[in-house]
Amino acid sequence: MSLEILKYPDQRLKQESQPVVLFDDALRAFVDDLEETMRAGPGGVGIAAPQVGRFERIVIVDISAMRKLPAGSSCSGRMLLINPEITEWDGMVMGREGCMSVPDYTGNVIRAESIHFTACDEFGQSHAYACEGFEARAVQHEVDHLDGLLFLDRLVSRRTDLFRRKVYRKKD
């Protein structure tokens, strides 16, 4: 079931999420709905539970259709991350980001180029990850949602680094 995505300036998007403590069938059913919601959006590569009004630390990131995975990445392209915690980061790079909760804008944000992090799967098993580039950017973007942050909060400059998203019409 596709869920409704909260849109900026909805104040609930600023709420901090709580850790998941119960790894049960209800959690797995929610994860399925969350993934369906992400895939229903135009070009979405990630979604966080707070974007649909559930304030638990749950994120899905899937760049497998967007980019070739970097060599040496421990990420699979599709990651379900429950209670993620970034443990190391290296390098800083500016890049353009968009968000399903801020559908009309994109903006330039500085993020770590590579990250290491831990997270649980839907059964509560902990895993360690390392990723870089676009995949690392996507993970950081989604983890920010868990802390009540949007890419708008990390813009390099609100005056020069926020852009109205182009709208493309389908040709008949």
Protein backbone atom coordinates (compact mmCIF):
# COMPACT_ATOMS: atom_id res chain seq x y z
CA MET A 1 0.00 0.00 0.00
CA SER A 2 1.41 3.36 -1.05
CA LEU A 3 1.57 5.87 1.81
CA GLU A 4 1.06 9.64 1.79
CA ILE A 5 4.32 11.62 1.76
CA LEU A 6 4.51 14.62 4.09
CA LYS A 7 5.49 17.80 2.25
CA TYR A 8 7.47 20.82 3.42
CA PRO A 9 6.57 22.98 5.40
CA ASP A 10 4.77 20.25 7.44
CA GLN A 11 6.26 20.66 10.93
CA ARG A 12 6.23 16.91 11.54
CA LEU A 13 9.23 16.68 9.17
CA LYS A 14 11.27 18.46 11.87
CA GLN A 15 10.50 15.77 14.46
CA GLU A 16 13.31 13.47 15.62
CA SER A 17 12.66 9.74 15.19
CA GLN A 18 13.01 7.07 17.85
CA PRO A 19 14.97 3.80 17.53
CA VAL A 20 13.10 0.69 16.44
CA VAL A 21 12.90 -1.78 19.34
CA LEU A 22 10.42 -4.36 18.02
CA PHE A 23 11.41 -6.32 14.90
CA ASP A 24 8.17 -8.11 14.05
CA ASP A 25 5.79 -8.84 11.18
CA ALA A 26 4.14 -5.42 11.58
CA LEU A 27 7.54 -3.75 11.05
CA ARG A 28 8.20 -5.85 7.94
CA ALA A 29 4.75 -5.00 6.55
CA PHE A 30 5.46 -1.28 7.10
CA VAL A 31 8.83 -1.65 5.32
CA ASP A 32 7.02 -3.18 2.33
CA ASP A 33 4.60 -0.22 2.23
CA LEU A 34 7.47 2.24 2.60
CA GLU A 35 9.33 0.66 -0.30
CA GLU A 36 6.20 0.68 -2.47
CA THR A 37 5.78 4.39 -1.69
CA MET A 38 9.39 5.13 -2.68
CA ARG A 39 9.05 3.22 -5.97
CA ALA A 40 5.76 4.99 -6.80
CA GLY A 41 7.52 8.37 -6.74
CA PRO A 42 9.29 9.88 -9.73
CA GLY A 43 12.93 8.76 -9.62
CA GLY A 44 13.16 8.38 -5.85
CA VAL A 45 16.32 6.66 -4.62
CA GLY A 46 15.50 6.79 -0.93
CA ILE A 47 12.81 7.29 1.65
CA ALA A 48 12.71 7.61 5.42
CA ALA A 49 9.86 6.61 7.72
CA PRO A 50 9.30 10.19 8.99
CA GLN A 51 8.41 11.24 5.43
CA VAL A 52 5.23 9.17 5.78
CA GLY A 53 4.52 10.20 9.37
CA ARG A 54 6.12 7.27 11.20
CA PHE A 55 8.79 8.56 13.55
CA GLU A 56 11.04 5.52 13.82
CA ARG A 57 14.60 5.22 12.54
CA ILE A 58 13.87 3.36 9.28
CA VAL A 59 15.39 4.20 5.89
CA ILE A 60 15.42 2.59 2.47
CA VAL A 61 18.07 3.58 -0.10
CA ASP A 62 18.21 2.02 -3.56
CA ILE A 63 20.45 3.49 -6.24
CA SER A 64 20.71 0.28 -8.27
CA ALA A 65 18.62 1.71 -11.13
CA MET A 66 20.40 5.07 -11.10
CA ARG A 67 24.13 4.51 -10.99
CA LYS A 68 26.78 1.86 -11.35
CA LEU A 69 27.93 0.82 -7.88
CA PRO A 70 31.53 1.80 -7.11
CA ALA A 71 34.14 -0.96 -6.87
CA GLY A 72 34.84 -1.92 -3.26
CA SER A 73 31.42 -0.81 -2.01
CA SER A 74 29.95 -3.06 0.66
CA CYS A 75 26.51 -1.78 -0.26
CA SER A 76 24.24 -3.73 -2.57
CA GLY A 77 22.48 -0.85 -4.24
CA ARG A 78 19.31 -1.56 -2.22
CA MET A 79 19.59 -1.13 1.53
CA LEU A 80 17.05 -1.31 4.30
CA LEU A 81 18.63 0.53 7.23
CA ILE A 82 17.01 0.34 10.65
CA ASN A 83 18.59 2.39 13.44
CA PRO A 84 21.45 3.51 11.15
CA GLU A 85 24.47 5.16 12.73
CA ILE A 86 27.22 6.80 10.68
CA THR A 87 30.50 5.92 12.38
CA GLU A 88 33.08 7.42 9.99
CA TRP A 89 33.11 9.90 7.16
CA ASP A 90 35.78 11.25 4.87
CA GLY A 91 36.12 14.01 2.30
CA MET A 92 33.55 16.68 1.59
CA VAL A 93 31.91 17.36 -1.74
CA MET A 94 29.07 19.57 -2.94
CA GLY A 95 26.23 18.02 -4.92
CA ARG A 96 22.66 18.71 -6.01
CA GLU A 97 19.88 17.06 -4.00
CA GLY A 98 16.13 16.79 -4.27
CA CYS A 99 13.53 15.24 -2.00
CA MET A 100 10.04 13.77 -2.27
CA SER A 101 9.07 15.93 0.72
CA VAL A 102 10.30 19.07 -1.10
CA PRO A 103 9.04 18.29 -4.59
CA ASP A 104 9.40 21.74 -6.17
CA TYR A 105 13.08 22.44 -5.39
CA THR A 106 16.60 21.06 -5.54
CA GLY A 107 19.67 22.48 -3.86
CA ASN A 108 23.43 22.28 -3.42
CA VAL A 109 24.48 20.49 -0.24
CA ILE A 110 27.93 19.57 1.08
CA ARG A 111 28.18 15.93 2.24
CA ALA A 112 30.91 13.43 3.07
CA GLU A 113 32.29 11.67 -0.01
CA SER A 114 32.58 8.31 1.76
CA ILE A 115 31.00 6.93 4.90
CA HIS A 116 31.03 3.87 7.14
CA PHE A 117 27.92 3.04 9.11
CA THR A 118 26.05 0.32 10.95
CA ALA A 119 22.36 -0.55 10.77
CA CYS A 120 20.00 -3.39 11.50
CA ASP A 121 17.97 -5.33 8.97
CA GLU A 122 14.26 -6.12 9.33
CA PHE A 123 15.08 -9.03 11.66
CA GLY A 124 17.24 -6.96 14.04
CA GLN A 125 20.59 -8.28 12.78
CA SER A 126 23.32 -5.62 12.80
CA HIS A 127 25.44 -5.06 9.67
CA ALA A 128 28.38 -2.80 8.83
CA TYR A 129 28.52 -0.86 5.55
CA ALA A 130 30.92 1.35 3.62
CA CYS A 131 29.91 3.39 0.59
CA GLU A 132 30.94 6.43 -1.37
CA GLY A 133 29.80 8.95 -3.94
CA PHE A 134 26.14 9.19 -4.83
CA GLU A 135 25.23 6.22 -2.62
CA ALA A 136 26.90 7.82 0.43
CA ARG A 137 25.08 11.09 -0.34
CA ALA A 138 21.72 9.27 -0.50
CA VAL A 139 22.31 7.52 2.84
CA GLN A 140 23.29 10.79 4.54
CA HIS A 141 20.23 12.54 3.09
CA GLU A 142 17.86 9.86 4.40
CA VAL A 143 19.54 9.63 7.82
CA ASP A 144 19.05 13.41 8.13
CA HIS A 145 15.28 12.83 7.92
CA LEU A 146 15.55 10.67 11.05
CA ASP A 147 17.01 13.66 12.89
CA GLY A 148 14.34 16.08 11.64
CA LEU A 149 16.54 17.67 8.98
CA LEU A 150 15.76 18.38 5.32
CA PHE A 151 18.29 19.17 2.60
CA LEU A 152 16.97 22.76 2.91
CA ASP A 153 18.63 22.88 6.35
CA ARG A 154 22.01 22.07 4.80
CA LEU A 155 22.00 24.33 1.74
CA VAL A 156 25.35 25.97 1.04
CA SER A 157 23.46 29.26 0.55
CA ARG A 158 19.69 29.80 0.54
CA ARG A 159 20.23 32.73 -1.83
CA THR A 160 22.33 31.04 -4.51
CA ASP A 161 22.01 27.26 -4.02
CA LEU A 162 18.25 26.62 -4.07
CA PHE A 163 16.71 25.93 -7.47
CA ARG A 164 13.14 25.51 -8.69
CA ARG A 165 12.82 22.00 -10.09
CA LYS A 166 12.16 21.80 -13.81
CA VAL A 167 8.87 20.20 -14.75
CA TYR A 168 8.94 18.11 -17.87
CA ARG A 169 5.72 17.45 -19.76
CA LYS A 170 5.22 14.21 -21.63
CA LYS A 171 4.96 14.67 -25.39
CA ASP A 172 1.77 13.33 -26.91
